[in-house]
């Protein structure tokens, strides 16, 4: 299979790239490296350094050969930042996701996997959350992702695009062989913050 992975030089995206390559898939990464790291890109994958909202670049990539799937990880993920600058989140997470979807439709890519977030659930009333829980985001980050989910569902119905949506919360861990892990010093993931607090590198409160 030929797979385009947006944000494939990032934390979660790089793990997906490694998994795809281990299965013998043909992987192209589209990443502007604003938060991604070039050294997380394996030599077996092709890296296109550009913005996911650039239609000309998307057409060049998807027009070069027949792709079987797009896995869309690229996006902004810091909740407080989204509250301070909501327009940048609606641009990067929603408007540019629309551009990726439009390119998928134009080039008849049959499958699409979207990296969303558990932030679409907001503050659930129950401790355990399943897929049927109410969707009521409380931050522009969560709202921007939910809007993209709705677009994807509408496009799937209109164009027969098969899709899956991943909603996770505070992903943690690293590759067993040390090829990828949480390496961004600005990362705000819960496990990283808890570990730094336990080591005395961050105040408790």
Foldseek 3Di string as FASTA:
>chain_A
DEEEEEPCQDFVNLVVVVVCVVVVYAYEYEYLPPPGDPLSDDPSYHYDNDALQDLVVLCVVCVVDPHQEYEYDDADDDQVVCQVPVVVRLVGLAVSLVSNLVSCLVSVHQEYEYEAAPLQLDDFPDPDDDPPHDGDHDTSRNVSRVNSVVVVVVSCVVRVRHYYYDYYAQDADADPVRSHGNDGPPDDRPVVVVVCCVVVNDPPD
